[in-house]
Amino acid sequence: MSGDANIVVSVDHEDKLTDRFKIEETVTSVKWLDDGSDVAFVQKDGVVTVSPGSYHYGTDLVVRIAKIETK
């Protein structure tokens, strides 16, 4: 995850802002459980790359969970 430019050090490598999971089934959606918003993802060769996006300054999310749905 990333953060507000006034608070965190910027990261030069986009791959550090993603999470990867080995999932053979076809992923149909990835959503945050707290607000139901979509999480960007790409699936290729049985690996799902999830891009959680920016951390919203002023919120206190110790743990944030996304649900990955498959078919």
Protein backbone atom coordinates (compact mmCIF):
# COMPACT_ATOMS: atom_id res chain seq x y z
CA MET A 1 0.00 0.00 0.00
CA SER A 2 1.08 3.58 -0.46
CA GLY A 3 0.26 6.74 1.44
CA ASP A 4 -0.15 10.49 1.37
CA ALA A 5 2.85 12.15 -0.32
CA ASN A 6 3.23 14.51 2.65
CA ILE A 7 3.53 11.64 5.11
CA VAL A 8 5.32 8.67 3.53
CA VAL A 9 8.45 8.16 1.48
CA SER A 10 7.61 7.51 -2.17
CA VAL A 11 8.35 4.10 -3.64
CA ASP A 12 10.05 3.85 -7.02
CA HIS A 13 8.98 0.30 -7.79
CA GLU A 14 5.32 -0.36 -8.58
CA ASP A 15 5.72 -4.07 -7.71
CA LYS A 16 6.20 -3.10 -4.05
CA LEU A 17 2.64 -1.75 -4.04
CA THR A 18 1.05 -5.06 -5.01
CA ASP A 19 0.35 -8.47 -3.49
CA ARG A 20 0.47 -11.72 -5.45
CA PHE A 21 -1.47 -14.92 -4.85
CA LYS A 22 -1.43 -18.25 -6.66
CA ILE A 23 -5.08 -18.95 -7.53
CA GLU A 24 -5.92 -21.39 -10.32
CA GLU A 25 -9.64 -20.54 -10.42
CA THR A 26 -10.78 -17.53 -12.45
CA VAL A 27 -11.01 -14.47 -10.21
CA THR A 28 -14.21 -12.49 -10.84
CA SER A 29 -13.75 -9.68 -8.30
CA VAL A 30 -11.70 -8.34 -5.42
CA LYS A 31 -13.46 -6.05 -2.91
CA TRP A 32 -12.61 -4.44 0.43
CA LEU A 33 -14.80 -5.90 3.19
CA ASP A 34 -15.04 -2.62 5.12
CA ASP A 35 -16.64 -0.50 2.40
CA GLY A 36 -17.29 -2.87 -0.53
CA SER A 37 -15.15 -0.87 -2.95
CA ASP A 38 -13.35 -2.65 -5.78
CA VAL A 39 -9.65 -3.49 -5.61
CA ALA A 40 -7.72 -3.49 -8.90
CA PHE A 41 -6.35 -6.90 -9.91
CA VAL A 42 -4.82 -8.76 -12.85
CA GLN A 43 -4.76 -12.53 -13.30
CA LYS A 44 -2.22 -14.28 -15.50
CA ASP A 45 -1.01 -17.89 -15.56
CA GLY A 46 -2.62 -18.80 -12.24
CA VAL A 47 -1.21 -15.78 -10.38
CA VAL A 48 -3.42 -12.91 -9.22
CA THR A 49 -1.74 -9.54 -8.69
CA VAL A 50 -3.78 -7.25 -6.43
CA SER A 51 -3.11 -3.49 -6.32
CA PRO A 52 -4.62 -2.24 -3.04
CA GLY A 53 -4.16 1.46 -3.83
CA SER A 54 -3.38 4.34 -1.54
CA TYR A 55 -3.74 4.50 2.21
CA HIS A 56 -6.16 7.31 3.07
CA TYR A 57 -4.48 9.73 5.45
CA GLY A 58 -6.40 10.23 8.68
CA THR A 59 -7.83 6.73 8.88
CA ASP A 60 -6.63 4.15 11.36
CA LEU A 61 -6.78 0.83 9.56
CA VAL A 62 -4.55 -1.58 11.41
CA VAL A 63 -5.84 -4.44 9.29
CA ARG A 64 -7.80 -4.18 6.05
CA ILE A 65 -9.20 -7.30 4.42
CA ALA A 66 -10.17 -7.83 0.79
CA LYS A 67 -12.39 -10.64 -0.44
CA ILE A 68 -11.31 -12.44 -3.63
CA GLU A 69 -14.24 -14.09 -5.44
CA THR A 70 -13.73 -16.86 -8.00
CA LYS A 71 -15.91 -18.87 -10.32
